[in-house]
Amino acid sequence: MTTRITRKYFGALALAALAPLALSTAWAQGGYPSRTVTFVVPAAAGGTTDISARMAAQALAPVLGQSVVVDNKGGGNGAIAANIVKRAEPDGYTLLMQYSGYHVISPHLAKAPQWDQKDFQPIANVISAPQIIVVRDGLPVKTMAELVAYAKANPGKLNYASSGNGSLQHVTGAMLEQQGGIKMVHVPYKGTGPALQDLLGGQVDLTFGTAPPFMPHIAAGKLRVLAVTGKERLASLPDAPTTAEAGYPGVNATSWFALFAPAGVPKPVIDKLAADMKKVVEDPAFRKKAQEQGAAADYQGPQQLGERVKSDFANWAGVIKSSKIEAE
């Protein structure tokens, strides 16, 4: 009797130990995905995060064999969207299409952090893009030198929009203030979309942001580009000098837009999503579309993206401290 009970007991333990492995194997062998996947976006429609998410969702759907929808949850410097994904069932059906500013800059400014890096698993970087410095058409400046001269001649008058306090746009503005020896008024918005609308309407004078949402308005002559904050000129904006060429090499900022999953999602699901996103991002049509938008299709897998997060998180901590940016 004792021997039979012991065998049953250890047999049950063995089955229990194998259950997670069997579940993960089932997912890897085709159980995932069996329904719609949602990309939660931490910004309003119209910005590069939203554009990146929609480009990726549209291209990923046929690869996954399931619909991929975009759910915009802007606000809280990305915290609203991050918390939705953090608390979601860790089954791979609710993912975060994240903006680097919210992921590696905003946490340094949060008075009461609502999420932590360990709450998420990196899947893949999708798009990378430098910031551009863009002004409303009615502002009487055409170069960086003229912008700085205008700010000095009109102290306290020049204002710039950002997608939120502590966003990369905000930090880029602070960099320019330091480099140019000027002072501007920062006007934070809940995402690039609303900021762009007020820039077009003349309520703000300039902004810093990745090129995609601005390209149609630049082409129409409604907005003017003064410089690109990356190391090289953009192929889609060949006449716009880099900030280094314009005399401000310290104004250097690049954004990235990447896919993350809740911490508990099984590794086989992460691996499948990463492999499928690699197919998407490295597809020539996707790369061409990104370039036309003023960005670059830039695949990085889970490990490489994770290393990038750690490095950028540490680097931006120093920038924020030197720029004296504080939480509102």
C-alpha atoms as a PDB file:
ATOM      1  CA  MET A   1       0.000   0.000   0.000  1.00  0.00           C
ATOM      2  CA  THR A   2       2.759   2.444   1.017  1.00  0.00           C
ATOM      3  CA  THR A   3       4.701   1.722  -2.166  1.00  0.00           C
ATOM      4  CA  ARG A   4       1.645   2.369  -4.356  1.00  0.00           C
ATOM      5  CA  ILE A   5       0.894   5.658  -2.580  1.00  0.00           C
ATOM      6  CA  THR A   6       4.507   6.740  -2.922  1.00  0.00           C
ATOM      7  CA  ARG A   7       4.527   5.951  -6.646  1.00  0.00           C
ATOM      8  CA  LYS A   8       1.279   7.859  -7.145  1.00  0.00           C
ATOM      9  CA  TYR A   9       2.646  10.826  -5.183  1.00  0.00           C
ATOM     10  CA  PHE A  10       5.878  11.067  -7.151  1.00  0.00           C
ATOM     11  CA  GLY A  11       4.007  10.427 -10.378  1.00  0.00           C
ATOM     12  CA  ALA A  12       1.746  13.394  -9.619  1.00  0.00           C
ATOM     13  CA  LEU A  13       4.777  15.568  -8.865  1.00  0.00           C
ATOM     14  CA  ALA A  14       6.379  14.591 -12.154  1.00  0.00           C
ATOM     15  CA  LEU A  15       3.235  15.463 -14.097  1.00  0.00           C
ATOM     16  CA  ALA A  16       2.959  18.787 -12.308  1.00  0.00           C
ATOM     17  CA  ALA A  17       6.580  19.587 -13.160  1.00  0.00           C
ATOM     18  CA  LEU A  18       6.038  18.719 -16.803  1.00  0.00           C
ATOM     19  CA  ALA A  19       2.782  20.689 -17.154  1.00  0.00           C
ATOM     20  CA  PRO A  20       4.378  24.129 -17.816  1.00  0.00           C
ATOM     21  CA  LEU A  21       6.745  22.558 -20.343  1.00  0.00           C
ATOM     22  CA  ALA A  22       3.859  20.816 -22.083  1.00  0.00           C
ATOM     23  CA  LEU A  23       1.892  24.085 -22.148  1.00  0.00           C
ATOM     24  CA  SER A  24       4.851  26.009 -23.571  1.00  0.00           C
ATOM     25  CA  THR A  25       5.432  23.289 -26.169  1.00  0.00           C
ATOM     26  CA  ALA A  26       1.791  23.408 -27.193  1.00  0.00           C
ATOM     27  CA  TRP A  27       2.008  27.182 -27.634  1.00  0.00           C
ATOM     28  CA  ALA A  28       5.175  26.846 -29.661  1.00  0.00           C
ATOM     29  CA  GLN A  29       3.692  24.142 -31.870  1.00  0.00           C
ATOM     30  CA  GLY A  30       0.763  26.189 -33.058  1.00  0.00           C
ATOM     31  CA  GLY A  31      -1.554  26.935 -30.131  1.00  0.00           C
ATOM     32  CA  TYR A  32      -0.477  30.569 -30.287  1.00  0.00           C
ATOM     33  CA  PRO A  33      -1.991  32.695 -31.613  1.00  0.00           C
ATOM     34  CA  SER A  34      -5.576  31.483 -31.800  1.00  0.00           C
ATOM     35  CA  ARG A  35      -7.250  34.909 -31.644  1.00  0.00           C
ATOM     36  CA  THR A  36      -6.681  38.636 -32.121  1.00  0.00           C
ATOM     37  CA  VAL A  37      -3.473  40.192 -30.754  1.00  0.00           C
ATOM     38  CA  THR A  38      -3.604  43.767 -29.384  1.00  0.00           C
ATOM     39  CA  PHE A  39      -0.834  46.360 -29.511  1.00  0.00           C
ATOM     40  CA  VAL A  40      -1.418  48.883 -26.706  1.00  0.00           C
ATOM     41  CA  VAL A  41       0.095  52.246 -27.706  1.00  0.00           C
ATOM     42  CA  PRO A  42       1.100  54.810 -25.020  1.00  0.00           C
ATOM     43  CA  ALA A  43       0.207  57.809 -27.179  1.00  0.00           C
ATOM     44  CA  ALA A  44      -2.638  59.396 -29.076  1.00  0.00           C
ATOM     45  CA  ALA A  45      -3.141  58.652 -32.760  1.00  0.00           C
ATOM     46  CA  GLY A  46      -0.943  60.553 -35.192  1.00  0.00           C
ATOM     47  CA  GLY A  47       2.514  60.292 -33.638  1.00  0.00           C
ATOM     48  CA  THR A  48       5.411  58.034 -34.617  1.00  0.00           C
ATOM     49  CA  THR A  49       4.588  55.500 -31.893  1.00  0.00           C
ATOM     50  CA  ASP A  50       1.116  55.149 -33.355  1.00  0.00           C
ATOM     51  CA  ILE A  51       2.394  55.063 -36.937  1.00  0.00           C
ATOM     52  CA  SER A  52       5.003  52.425 -36.024  1.00  0.00           C
ATOM     53  CA  ALA A  53       2.372  50.328 -34.269  1.00  0.00           C
ATOM     54  CA  ARG A  54      -0.021  50.460 -37.205  1.00  0.00           C
ATOM     55  CA  MET A  55       2.700  49.661 -39.730  1.00  0.00           C
ATOM     56  CA  ALA A  56       3.853  46.701 -37.629  1.00  0.00           C
ATOM     57  CA  ALA A  57       0.321  45.458 -36.904  1.00  0.00           C
ATOM     58  CA  GLN A  58      -0.690  45.521 -40.555  1.00  0.00           C
ATOM     59  CA  ALA A  59       2.448  43.661 -41.647  1.00  0.00           C
ATOM     60  CA  LEU A  60       2.452  41.179 -38.746  1.00  0.00           C
ATOM     61  CA  ALA A  61      -1.166  40.013 -39.119  1.00  0.00           C
ATOM     62  CA  PRO A  62      -0.646  37.819 -42.204  1.00  0.00           C
ATOM     63  CA  VAL A  63       2.556  36.386 -40.707  1.00  0.00           C
ATOM     64  CA  LEU A  64       0.770  35.433 -37.459  1.00  0.00           C
ATOM     65  CA  GLY A  65      -2.380  34.347 -39.253  1.00  0.00           C
ATOM     66  CA  GLN A  66      -4.504  36.434 -36.869  1.00  0.00           C
ATOM     67  CA  SER A  67      -5.740  40.017 -36.695  1.00  0.00           C
ATOM     68  CA  VAL A  68      -3.527  42.529 -34.899  1.00  0.00           C
ATOM     69  CA  VAL A  69      -5.300  45.643 -33.607  1.00  0.00           C
ATOM     70  CA  VAL A  70      -3.962  48.912 -32.203  1.00  0.00           C
ATOM     71  CA  ASP A  71      -5.402  50.351 -28.986  1.00  0.00           C
ATOM     72  CA  ASN A  72      -4.292  53.927 -28.201  1.00  0.00           C
ATOM     73  CA  LYS A  73      -4.007  54.612 -24.468  1.00  0.00           C
ATOM     74  CA  GLY A  74      -2.145  57.902 -24.171  1.00  0.00           C
ATOM     75  CA  GLY A  75      -1.467  59.833 -20.979  1.00  0.00           C
ATOM     76  CA  GLY A  76       0.591  59.616 -17.834  1.00  0.00           C
ATOM     77  CA  ASN A  77       3.885  59.766 -19.783  1.00  0.00           C
ATOM     78  CA  GLY A  78       3.187  56.239 -20.982  1.00  0.00           C
ATOM     79  CA  ALA A  79       2.122  54.908 -17.578  1.00  0.00           C
ATOM     80  CA  ILE A  80      -1.516  54.269 -18.554  1.00  0.00           C
ATOM     81  CA  ALA A  81      -0.583  51.951 -21.421  1.00  0.00           C
ATOM     82  CA  ALA A  82       2.250  50.339 -19.470  1.00  0.00           C
ATOM     83  CA  ASN A  83      -0.054  49.454 -16.589  1.00  0.00           C
ATOM     84  CA  ILE A  84      -2.663  47.953 -18.912  1.00  0.00           C
ATOM     85  CA  VAL A  85      -0.066  45.628 -20.411  1.00  0.00           C
ATOM     86  CA  LYS A  86       1.646  44.958 -17.091  1.00  0.00           C
ATOM     87  CA  ARG A  87      -1.648  43.726 -15.603  1.00  0.00           C
ATOM     88  CA  ALA A  88      -2.804  41.847 -18.708  1.00  0.00           C
ATOM     89  CA  GLU A  89      -3.038  38.073 -18.813  1.00  0.00           C
ATOM     90  CA  PRO A  90       0.513  36.911 -19.669  1.00  0.00           C
ATOM     91  CA  ASP A  91      -0.587  34.959 -22.733  1.00  0.00           C
ATOM     92  CA  GLY A  92       0.917  37.042 -25.539  1.00  0.00           C
ATOM     93  CA  TYR A  93      -2.337  38.590 -26.708  1.00  0.00           C
ATOM     94  CA  THR A  94      -1.788  42.022 -25.107  1.00  0.00           C
ATOM     95  CA  LEU A  95       1.516  43.663 -26.031  1.00  0.00           C
ATOM     96  CA  LEU A  96       3.062  47.108 -25.571  1.00  0.00           C
ATOM     97  CA  MET A  97       4.298  49.066 -28.585  1.00  0.00           C
ATOM     98  CA  GLN A  98       6.606  51.298 -26.614  1.00  0.00           C
ATOM     99  CA  TYR A  99       8.290  54.635 -27.258  1.00  0.00           C
ATOM    100  CA  SER A 100      11.841  54.899 -25.945  1.00  0.00           C
ATOM    101  CA  GLY A 101      11.229  58.213 -24.191  1.00  0.00           C
ATOM    102  CA  TYR A 102       8.539  56.632 -22.058  1.00  0.00           C
ATOM    103  CA  HIS A 103      10.575  53.499 -21.413  1.00  0.00           C
ATOM    104  CA  VAL A 104      13.996  54.876 -20.473  1.00  0.00           C
ATOM    105  CA  ILE A 105      13.417  58.574 -19.658  1.00  0.00           C
ATOM    106  CA  SER A 106      10.020  58.937 -17.952  1.00  0.00           C
ATOM    107  CA  PRO A 107      10.839  56.411 -15.170  1.00  0.00           C
ATOM    108  CA  HIS A 108      13.598  58.742 -13.943  1.00  0.00           C
ATOM    109  CA  LEU A 109      11.031  61.503 -13.420  1.00  0.00           C
ATOM    110  CA  ALA A 110       8.132  59.587 -11.869  1.00  0.00           C
ATOM    111  CA  LYS A 111       7.466  60.677  -8.283  1.00  0.00           C
ATOM    112  CA  ALA A 112       5.587  57.438  -7.628  1.00  0.00           C
ATOM    113  CA  PRO A 113       6.647  54.837 -10.236  1.00  0.00           C
ATOM    114  CA  GLN A 114       3.736  52.693 -11.413  1.00  0.00           C
ATOM    115  CA  TRP A 115       5.783  50.101 -13.259  1.00  0.00           C
ATOM    116  CA  ASP A 116       9.299  48.731 -13.411  1.00  0.00           C
ATOM    117  CA  GLN A 117      11.549  47.446 -16.194  1.00  0.00           C
ATOM    118  CA  LYS A 118      11.199  43.929 -14.797  1.00  0.00           C
ATOM    119  CA  ASP A 119       7.441  44.059 -15.512  1.00  0.00           C
ATOM    120  CA  PHE A 120       8.156  43.628 -19.233  1.00  0.00           C
ATOM    121  CA  GLN A 121      10.004  41.297 -21.569  1.00  0.00           C
ATOM    122  CA  PRO A 122      11.611  42.734 -24.718  1.00  0.00           C
ATOM    123  CA  ILE A 123      10.407  41.183 -27.977  1.00  0.00           C
ATOM    124  CA  ALA A 124      11.749  43.281 -30.846  1.00  0.00           C
ATOM    125  CA  ASN A 125      12.730  46.772 -31.851  1.00  0.00           C
ATOM    126  CA  VAL A 126      10.750  47.851 -34.907  1.00  0.00           C
ATOM    127  CA  ILE A 127      11.749  51.386 -35.897  1.00  0.00           C
ATOM    128  CA  SER A 128      14.475  53.850 -34.968  1.00  0.00           C
ATOM    129  CA  ALA A 129      14.503  57.506 -35.947  1.00  0.00           C
ATOM    130  CA  PRO A 130      16.354  60.721 -35.095  1.00  0.00           C
ATOM    131  CA  GLN A 131      14.446  63.744 -33.886  1.00  0.00           C
ATOM    132  CA  ILE A 132      13.920  66.628 -36.289  1.00  0.00           C
ATOM    133  CA  ILE A 133      13.597  70.248 -35.246  1.00  0.00           C
ATOM    134  CA  VAL A 134      10.511  71.642 -36.960  1.00  0.00           C
ATOM    135  CA  VAL A 135       8.928  75.097 -36.751  1.00  0.00           C
ATOM    136  CA  ARG A 136       5.583  76.562 -37.793  1.00  0.00           C
ATOM    137  CA  ASP A 137       5.635  78.257 -41.174  1.00  0.00           C
ATOM    138  CA  GLY A 138       4.923  81.705 -39.724  1.00  0.00           C
ATOM    139  CA  LEU A 139       7.972  81.739 -37.447  1.00  0.00           C
ATOM    140  CA  PRO A 140      10.575  84.042 -39.069  1.00  0.00           C
ATOM    141  CA  VAL A 141      13.510  81.611 -38.893  1.00  0.00           C
ATOM    142  CA  LYS A 142      14.980  79.266 -41.503  1.00  0.00           C
ATOM    143  CA  THR A 143      18.131  77.974 -39.801  1.00  0.00           C
ATOM    144  CA  MET A 144      19.283  76.892 -36.358  1.00  0.00           C
ATOM    145  CA  ALA A 145      21.383  80.046 -36.070  1.00  0.00           C
ATOM    146  CA  GLU A 146      18.332  82.184 -36.804  1.00  0.00           C
ATOM    147  CA  LEU A 147      16.261  80.228 -34.261  1.00  0.00           C
ATOM    148  CA  VAL A 148      18.809  80.833 -31.511  1.00  0.00           C
ATOM    149  CA  ALA A 149      19.132  84.515 -32.469  1.00  0.00           C
ATOM    150  CA  TYR A 150      15.327  84.889 -32.412  1.00  0.00           C
ATOM    151  CA  ALA A 151      15.124  83.273 -28.958  1.00  0.00           C
ATOM    152  CA  LYS A 152      17.796  85.630 -27.613  1.00  0.00           C
ATOM    153  CA  ALA A 153      16.099  88.653 -29.118  1.00  0.00           C
ATOM    154  CA  ASN A 154      12.703  87.622 -27.751  1.00  0.00           C
ATOM    155  CA  PRO A 155      13.372  86.219 -24.263  1.00  0.00           C
ATOM    156  CA  GLY A 156      10.489  84.143 -22.893  1.00  0.00           C
ATOM    157  CA  LYS A 157       8.490  84.425 -26.127  1.00  0.00           C
ATOM    158  CA  LEU A 158       9.541  81.241 -27.973  1.00  0.00           C
ATOM    159  CA  ASN A 159       7.712  78.077 -26.918  1.00  0.00           C
ATOM    160  CA  TYR A 160       8.045  74.437 -27.920  1.00  0.00           C
ATOM    161  CA  ALA A 161       5.712  71.477 -27.746  1.00  0.00           C
ATOM    162  CA  SER A 162       6.524  67.982 -26.527  1.00  0.00           C
ATOM    163  CA  SER A 163       4.608  64.742 -26.066  1.00  0.00           C
ATOM    164  CA  GLY A 164       4.869  65.125 -22.293  1.00  0.00           C
ATOM    165  CA  ASN A 165       7.113  66.126 -19.420  1.00  0.00           C
ATOM    166  CA  GLY A 166      10.252  64.008 -19.551  1.00  0.00           C
ATOM    167  CA  SER A 167       9.631  62.861 -23.127  1.00  0.00           C
ATOM    168  CA  LEU A 168      12.541  62.769 -25.541  1.00  0.00           C
ATOM    169  CA  GLN A 169      11.167  65.936 -27.170  1.00  0.00           C
ATOM    170  CA  HIS A 170      11.315  67.676 -23.798  1.00  0.00           C
ATOM    171  CA  VAL A 171      14.875  66.504 -23.198  1.00  0.00           C
ATOM    172  CA  THR A 172      15.906  67.544 -26.721  1.00  0.00           C
ATOM    173  CA  GLY A 173      14.490  71.013 -26.058  1.00  0.00           C
ATOM    174  CA  ALA A 174      16.516  71.210 -22.851  1.00  0.00           C
ATOM    175  CA  MET A 175      19.640  70.168 -24.781  1.00  0.00           C
ATOM    176  CA  LEU A 176      19.080  72.985 -27.280  1.00  0.00           C
ATOM    177  CA  GLU A 177      18.597  75.498 -24.468  1.00  0.00           C
ATOM    178  CA  GLN A 178      21.910  74.419 -22.962  1.00  0.00           C
ATOM    179  CA  GLN A 179      23.790  74.390 -26.263  1.00  0.00           C
ATOM    180  CA  GLY A 180      22.337  77.658 -27.547  1.00  0.00           C
ATOM    181  CA  GLY A 181      22.349  79.559 -24.279  1.00  0.00           C
ATOM    182  CA  ILE A 182      18.644  80.325 -24.664  1.00  0.00           C
ATOM    183  CA  LYS A 183      15.442  79.891 -22.683  1.00  0.00           C
ATOM    184  CA  MET A 184      12.197  78.609 -24.169  1.00  0.00           C
ATOM    185  CA  VAL A 185       8.784  77.819 -22.694  1.00  0.00           C
ATOM    186  CA  HIS A 186       8.017  74.099 -22.607  1.00  0.00           C
ATOM    187  CA  VAL A 187       4.416  73.127 -23.452  1.00  0.00           C
ATOM    188  CA  PRO A 188       3.735  69.419 -22.751  1.00  0.00           C
ATOM    189  CA  TYR A 189       0.966  67.493 -24.544  1.00  0.00           C
ATOM    190  CA  LYS A 190      -0.455  63.979 -24.251  1.00  0.00           C
ATOM    191  CA  GLY A 191       1.322  62.708 -27.326  1.00  0.00           C
ATOM    192  CA  THR A 192       2.772  63.990 -30.583  1.00  0.00           C
ATOM    193  CA  GLY A 193      -0.611  64.067 -32.354  1.00  0.00           C
ATOM    194  CA  PRO A 194      -2.124  66.847 -30.203  1.00  0.00           C
ATOM    195  CA  ALA A 195       1.194  68.730 -30.169  1.00  0.00           C
ATOM    196  CA  LEU A 196       1.319  68.613 -33.967  1.00  0.00           C
ATOM    197  CA  GLN A 197      -2.202  69.998 -34.272  1.00  0.00           C
ATOM    198  CA  ASP A 198      -1.347  73.027 -32.126  1.00  0.00           C
ATOM    199  CA  LEU A 199       1.908  73.549 -34.031  1.00  0.00           C
ATOM    200  CA  LEU A 200      -0.070  73.634 -37.285  1.00  0.00           C
ATOM    201  CA  GLY A 201      -2.579  75.965 -35.655  1.00  0.00           C
ATOM    202  CA  GLY A 202       0.140  78.369 -34.524  1.00  0.00           C
ATOM    203  CA  GLN A 203      -0.438  77.892 -30.780  1.00  0.00           C
ATOM    204  CA  VAL A 204       3.178  76.742 -30.370  1.00  0.00           C
ATOM    205  CA  ASP A 205       6.291  77.769 -32.303  1.00  0.00           C
ATOM    206  CA  LEU A 206       8.307  74.594 -32.712  1.00  0.00           C
ATOM    207  CA  THR A 207       8.724  71.022 -31.625  1.00  0.00           C
ATOM    208  CA  PHE A 208      11.156  68.129 -31.738  1.00  0.00           C
ATOM    209  CA  GLY A 209      10.046  64.736 -32.936  1.00  0.00           C
ATOM    210  CA  THR A 210      10.624  61.836 -35.260  1.00  0.00           C
ATOM    211  CA  ALA A 211       9.813  62.663 -38.871  1.00  0.00           C
ATOM    212  CA  PRO A 212       6.861  60.374 -39.833  1.00  0.00           C
ATOM    213  CA  PRO A 213       3.912  62.448 -38.544  1.00  0.00           C
ATOM    214  CA  PHE A 214       5.431  65.692 -39.869  1.00  0.00           C
ATOM    215  CA  MET A 215       6.304  64.597 -43.400  1.00  0.00           C
ATOM    216  CA  PRO A 216       2.954  65.409 -45.110  1.00  0.00           C
ATOM    217  CA  HIS A 217       2.900  68.884 -43.544  1.00  0.00           C
ATOM    218  CA  ILE A 218       6.529  69.547 -44.460  1.00  0.00           C
ATOM    219  CA  ALA A 219       5.788  68.541 -48.054  1.00  0.00           C
ATOM    220  CA  ALA A 220       2.754  70.878 -48.063  1.00  0.00           C
ATOM    221  CA  GLY A 221       4.858  73.801 -46.831  1.00  0.00           C
ATOM    222  CA  LYS A 222       2.953  74.137 -43.557  1.00  0.00           C
ATOM    223  CA  LEU A 223       5.980  73.258 -41.438  1.00  0.00           C
ATOM    224  CA  ARG A 224       9.715  73.884 -41.884  1.00  0.00           C
ATOM    225  CA  VAL A 225      12.595  71.622 -40.821  1.00  0.00           C
ATOM    226  CA  LEU A 226      15.672  73.314 -39.369  1.00  0.00           C
ATOM    227  CA  ALA A 227      17.825  70.283 -38.548  1.00  0.00           C
ATOM    228  CA  VAL A 228      18.064  66.556 -37.869  1.00  0.00           C
ATOM    229  CA  THR A 229      19.357  65.495 -34.446  1.00  0.00           C
ATOM    230  CA  GLY A 230      21.036  62.294 -35.663  1.00  0.00           C
ATOM    231  CA  LYS A 231      24.555  61.705 -36.920  1.00  0.00           C
ATOM    232  CA  GLU A 232      23.510  61.658 -40.575  1.00  0.00           C
ATOM    233  CA  ARG A 233      21.050  63.502 -42.784  1.00  0.00           C
ATOM    234  CA  LEU A 234      17.770  61.761 -43.572  1.00  0.00           C
ATOM    235  CA  ALA A 235      17.312  60.468 -47.113  1.00  0.00           C
ATOM    236  CA  SER A 236      13.722  61.722 -47.017  1.00  0.00           C
ATOM    237  CA  LEU A 237      14.896  65.232 -45.951  1.00  0.00           C
ATOM    238  CA  PRO A 238      18.213  65.621 -47.802  1.00  0.00           C
ATOM    239  CA  ASP A 239      18.356  69.414 -47.477  1.00  0.00           C
ATOM    240  CA  ALA A 240      17.995  69.427 -43.684  1.00  0.00           C
ATOM    241  CA  PRO A 241      21.437  69.608 -42.014  1.00  0.00           C
ATOM    242  CA  THR A 242      22.342  67.643 -38.926  1.00  0.00           C
ATOM    243  CA  THR A 243      22.564  69.586 -35.676  1.00  0.00           C
ATOM    244  CA  ALA A 244      26.329  69.017 -35.770  1.00  0.00           C
ATOM    245  CA  GLU A 245      26.506  70.634 -39.227  1.00  0.00           C
ATOM    246  CA  ALA A 246      24.401  73.507 -37.904  1.00  0.00           C
ATOM    247  CA  GLY A 247      26.844  74.087 -35.044  1.00  0.00           C
ATOM    248  CA  TYR A 248      25.088  72.275 -32.205  1.00  0.00           C
ATOM    249  CA  PRO A 249      26.646  68.775 -31.954  1.00  0.00           C
ATOM    250  CA  GLY A 250      25.420  68.321 -28.384  1.00  0.00           C
ATOM    251  CA  VAL A 251      21.799  68.232 -29.564  1.00  0.00           C
ATOM    252  CA  ASN A 252      21.754  64.558 -30.503  1.00  0.00           C
ATOM    253  CA  ALA A 253      18.748  62.334 -29.857  1.00  0.00           C
ATOM    254  CA  THR A 254      17.334  59.215 -31.506  1.00  0.00           C
ATOM    255  CA  SER A 255      14.047  57.527 -30.647  1.00  0.00           C
ATOM    256  CA  TRP A 256      13.202  53.858 -30.943  1.00  0.00           C
ATOM    257  CA  PHE A 257       9.853  52.096 -31.030  1.00  0.00           C
ATOM    258  CA  ALA A 258       9.759  48.537 -29.791  1.00  0.00           C
ATOM    259  CA  LEU A 259       7.451  45.696 -28.829  1.00  0.00           C
ATOM    260  CA  PHE A 260       7.310  44.396 -25.242  1.00  0.00           C
ATOM    261  CA  ALA A 261       5.277  41.702 -23.490  1.00  0.00           C
ATOM    262  CA  PRO A 262       4.200  41.255 -19.861  1.00  0.00           C
ATOM    263  CA  ALA A 263       6.840  39.556 -17.720  1.00  0.00           C
ATOM    264  CA  GLY A 264       5.036  36.224 -17.419  1.00  0.00           C
ATOM    265  CA  VAL A 265       4.543  35.422 -21.114  1.00  0.00           C
ATOM    266  CA  PRO A 266       6.119  31.997 -21.897  1.00  0.00           C
ATOM    267  CA  LYS A 267       9.445  32.024 -23.739  1.00  0.00           C
ATOM    268  CA  PRO A 268       8.131  30.054 -26.764  1.00  0.00           C
ATOM    269  CA  VAL A 269       5.586  32.828 -27.369  1.00  0.00           C
ATOM    270  CA  ILE A 270       8.275  35.515 -27.051  1.00  0.00           C
ATOM    271  CA  ASP A 271      10.496  33.572 -29.454  1.00  0.00           C
ATOM    272  CA  LYS A 272       7.700  33.197 -32.011  1.00  0.00           C
ATOM    273  CA  LEU A 273       6.785  36.879 -31.855  1.00  0.00           C
ATOM    274  CA  ALA A 274      10.445  37.888 -32.148  1.00  0.00           C
ATOM    275  CA  ALA A 275      10.982  35.628 -35.172  1.00  0.00           C
ATOM    276  CA  ASP A 276       7.812  36.871 -36.855  1.00  0.00           C
ATOM    277  CA  MET A 277       8.700  40.517 -36.196  1.00  0.00           C
ATOM    278  CA  LYS A 278      12.125  39.872 -37.731  1.00  0.00           C
ATOM    279  CA  LYS A 279      10.380  38.769 -40.929  1.00  0.00           C
ATOM    280  CA  VAL A 280       8.237  41.902 -40.843  1.00  0.00           C
ATOM    281  CA  VAL A 281      10.961  44.456 -40.129  1.00  0.00           C
ATOM    282  CA  GLU A 282      13.467  42.989 -42.581  1.00  0.00           C
ATOM    283  CA  ASP A 283      10.955  42.824 -45.416  1.00  0.00           C
ATOM    284  CA  PRO A 284      12.051  45.240 -48.208  1.00  0.00           C
ATOM    285  CA  ALA A 285       8.558  46.760 -48.483  1.00  0.00           C
ATOM    286  CA  PHE A 286       8.476  47.544 -44.758  1.00  0.00           C
ATOM    287  CA  ARG A 287      11.984  49.004 -44.871  1.00  0.00           C
ATOM    288  CA  LYS A 288      11.081  51.200 -47.830  1.00  0.00           C
ATOM    289  CA  LYS A 289       7.920  52.453 -46.143  1.00  0.00           C
ATOM    290  CA  ALA A 290       9.850  53.337 -42.979  1.00  0.00           C
ATOM    291  CA  GLN A 291      12.486  55.222 -44.970  1.00  0.00           C
ATOM    292  CA  GLU A 292       9.828  57.194 -46.827  1.00  0.00           C
ATOM    293  CA  GLN A 293       8.493  58.248 -43.421  1.00  0.00           C
ATOM    294  CA  GLY A 294      11.902  59.558 -42.325  1.00  0.00           C
ATOM    295  CA  ALA A 295      12.705  56.578 -40.113  1.00  0.00           C
ATOM    296  CA  ALA A 296      14.610  53.293 -40.325  1.00  0.00           C
ATOM    297  CA  ALA A 297      13.335  49.729 -39.984  1.00  0.00           C
ATOM    298  CA  ASP A 298      15.698  48.517 -37.270  1.00  0.00           C
ATOM    299  CA  TYR A 299      15.188  44.962 -36.000  1.00  0.00           C
ATOM    300  CA  GLN A 300      16.715  43.997 -32.671  1.00  0.00           C
ATOM    301  CA  GLY A 301      15.785  40.737 -30.982  1.00  0.00           C
ATOM    302  CA  PRO A 302      14.958  40.200 -27.292  1.00  0.00           C
ATOM    303  CA  GLN A 303      18.541  40.078 -26.025  1.00  0.00           C
ATOM    304  CA  GLN A 304      19.835  43.012 -28.070  1.00  0.00           C
ATOM    305  CA  LEU A 305      16.778  45.139 -27.242  1.00  0.00           C
ATOM    306  CA  GLY A 306      17.151  44.286 -23.565  1.00  0.00           C
ATOM    307  CA  GLU A 307      20.774  45.458 -23.633  1.00  0.00           C
ATOM    308  CA  ARG A 308      19.741  48.653 -25.408  1.00  0.00           C
ATOM    309  CA  VAL A 309      17.152  49.376 -22.722  1.00  0.00           C
ATOM    310  CA  LYS A 310      19.745  48.972 -19.937  1.00  0.00           C
ATOM    311  CA  SER A 311      22.292  51.161 -21.711  1.00  0.00           C
ATOM    312  CA  ASP A 312      19.847  53.936 -22.641  1.00  0.00           C
ATOM    313  CA  PHE A 313      18.255  53.890 -19.180  1.00  0.00           C
ATOM    314  CA  ALA A 314      21.666  54.602 -17.615  1.00  0.00           C
ATOM    315  CA  ASN A 315      22.706  57.191 -20.225  1.00  0.00           C
ATOM    316  CA  TRP A 316      19.521  59.257 -20.047  1.00  0.00           C
ATOM    317  CA  ALA A 317      19.744  59.390 -16.260  1.00  0.00           C
ATOM    318  CA  GLY A 318      22.874  61.506 -16.680  1.00  0.00           C
ATOM    319  CA  VAL A 319      21.302  63.757 -19.314  1.00  0.00           C
ATOM    320  CA  ILE A 320      18.241  64.427 -17.161  1.00  0.00           C
ATOM    321  CA  LYS A 321      20.404  65.270 -14.170  1.00  0.00           C
ATOM    322  CA  SER A 322      22.605  67.683 -16.138  1.00  0.00           C
ATOM    323  CA  SER A 323      19.545  69.284 -17.767  1.00  0.00           C
ATOM    324  CA  LYS A 324      17.870  69.652 -14.358  1.00  0.00           C
ATOM    325  CA  ILE A 325      14.560  68.256 -15.655  1.00  0.00           C
ATOM    326  CA  GLU A 326      12.169  67.478 -12.840  1.00  0.00           C
ATOM    327  CA  ALA A 327       8.777  65.799 -12.627  1.00  0.00           C
ATOM    328  CA  GLU A 328       5.787  68.101 -12.776  1.00  0.00           C
END
